[in-house]
């Protein structure tokens, strides 16, 4: 597990107090409400390739070439 070194903990507490971590999720919620059409299209495109050709190795020439 990740542990913050003792000598940095004071700086972390100061940063978190200034940053207000609870508000950082508002930006992510905004992005979640606006779907990215480019990503949607890419997911559909690669889904079609996999439906037509079945499971493939990650280094398959067709997948790598399309990527």
Protein backbone atom coordinates (compact mmCIF):
# COMPACT_ATOMS: atom_id res chain seq x y z
CA UNK A 1 0.00 0.00 0.00
CA UNK A 2 1.02 3.60 -0.62
CA UNK A 3 2.10 5.57 2.45
CA UNK A 4 2.93 9.26 2.42
CA UNK A 5 6.35 9.84 3.97
CA UNK A 6 6.26 11.52 7.38
CA UNK A 7 8.21 14.57 6.19
CA UNK A 8 5.54 15.32 3.52
CA UNK A 9 2.42 14.89 5.66
CA UNK A 10 2.34 18.51 6.80
CA UNK A 11 2.48 19.70 3.20
CA UNK A 12 -0.27 17.25 2.22
CA UNK A 13 -2.57 18.53 4.97
CA UNK A 14 -1.90 22.12 3.90
CA UNK A 15 -2.56 21.27 0.26
CA UNK A 16 -5.81 19.45 1.04
CA UNK A 17 -7.01 22.37 3.14
CA UNK A 18 -6.38 24.79 0.27
CA UNK A 19 -7.63 22.49 -2.46
CA UNK A 20 -10.84 21.33 -0.74
CA UNK A 21 -10.94 17.79 -2.08
CA UNK A 22 -14.72 17.59 -1.77
CA UNK A 23 -15.17 20.02 -4.69
CA UNK A 24 -12.85 18.13 -7.03
CA UNK A 25 -15.59 15.63 -7.90
CA UNK A 26 -17.84 18.32 -9.40
CA UNK A 27 -15.71 18.50 -12.56
CA UNK A 28 -15.82 14.72 -12.99
CA UNK A 29 -19.61 14.73 -12.57
CA UNK A 30 -19.82 17.39 -15.29
CA UNK A 31 -17.77 15.23 -17.65
CA UNK A 32 -19.90 12.18 -16.84
CA UNK A 33 -23.04 14.09 -17.87
CA UNK A 34 -21.58 15.09 -21.26
CA UNK A 35 -20.74 11.96 -23.26
CA UNK A 36 -17.73 12.26 -25.55
CA UNK A 37 -18.97 11.46 -29.05
CA UNK A 38 -15.46 10.57 -30.25
CA UNK A 39 -15.02 7.93 -27.56
CA UNK A 40 -18.52 6.60 -28.17
CA UNK A 41 -17.72 6.19 -31.87
CA UNK A 42 -14.39 4.48 -31.18
CA UNK A 43 -15.97 2.04 -28.75
CA UNK A 44 -18.64 1.20 -31.33
CA UNK A 45 -16.02 0.83 -34.07
CA UNK A 46 -13.81 -1.58 -32.15
CA UNK A 47 -16.90 -3.41 -30.90
CA UNK A 48 -17.91 -4.03 -34.52
CA UNK A 49 -14.43 -5.34 -35.36
CA UNK A 50 -14.52 -7.74 -32.43
CA UNK A 51 -18.06 -8.89 -33.26
CA UNK A 52 -17.03 -9.64 -36.85
CA UNK A 53 -13.69 -11.29 -36.10
CA UNK A 54 -14.18 -12.70 -32.60
CA UNK A 55 -11.69 -12.52 -29.74
CA UNK A 56 -8.22 -11.37 -30.78
CA UNK A 57 -4.78 -11.09 -29.28
CA UNK A 58 -3.90 -7.57 -28.19
CA UNK A 59 -1.13 -7.39 -30.81
CA UNK A 60 -3.33 -8.61 -33.71
CA UNK A 61 -2.38 -6.74 -36.92
CA UNK A 62 -5.98 -5.72 -37.58
CA UNK A 63 -6.41 -4.14 -34.13
CA UNK A 64 -3.00 -2.51 -34.08
CA UNK A 65 -3.44 -1.17 -37.60
CA UNK A 66 -6.85 0.31 -36.82
CA UNK A 67 -5.64 1.79 -33.56
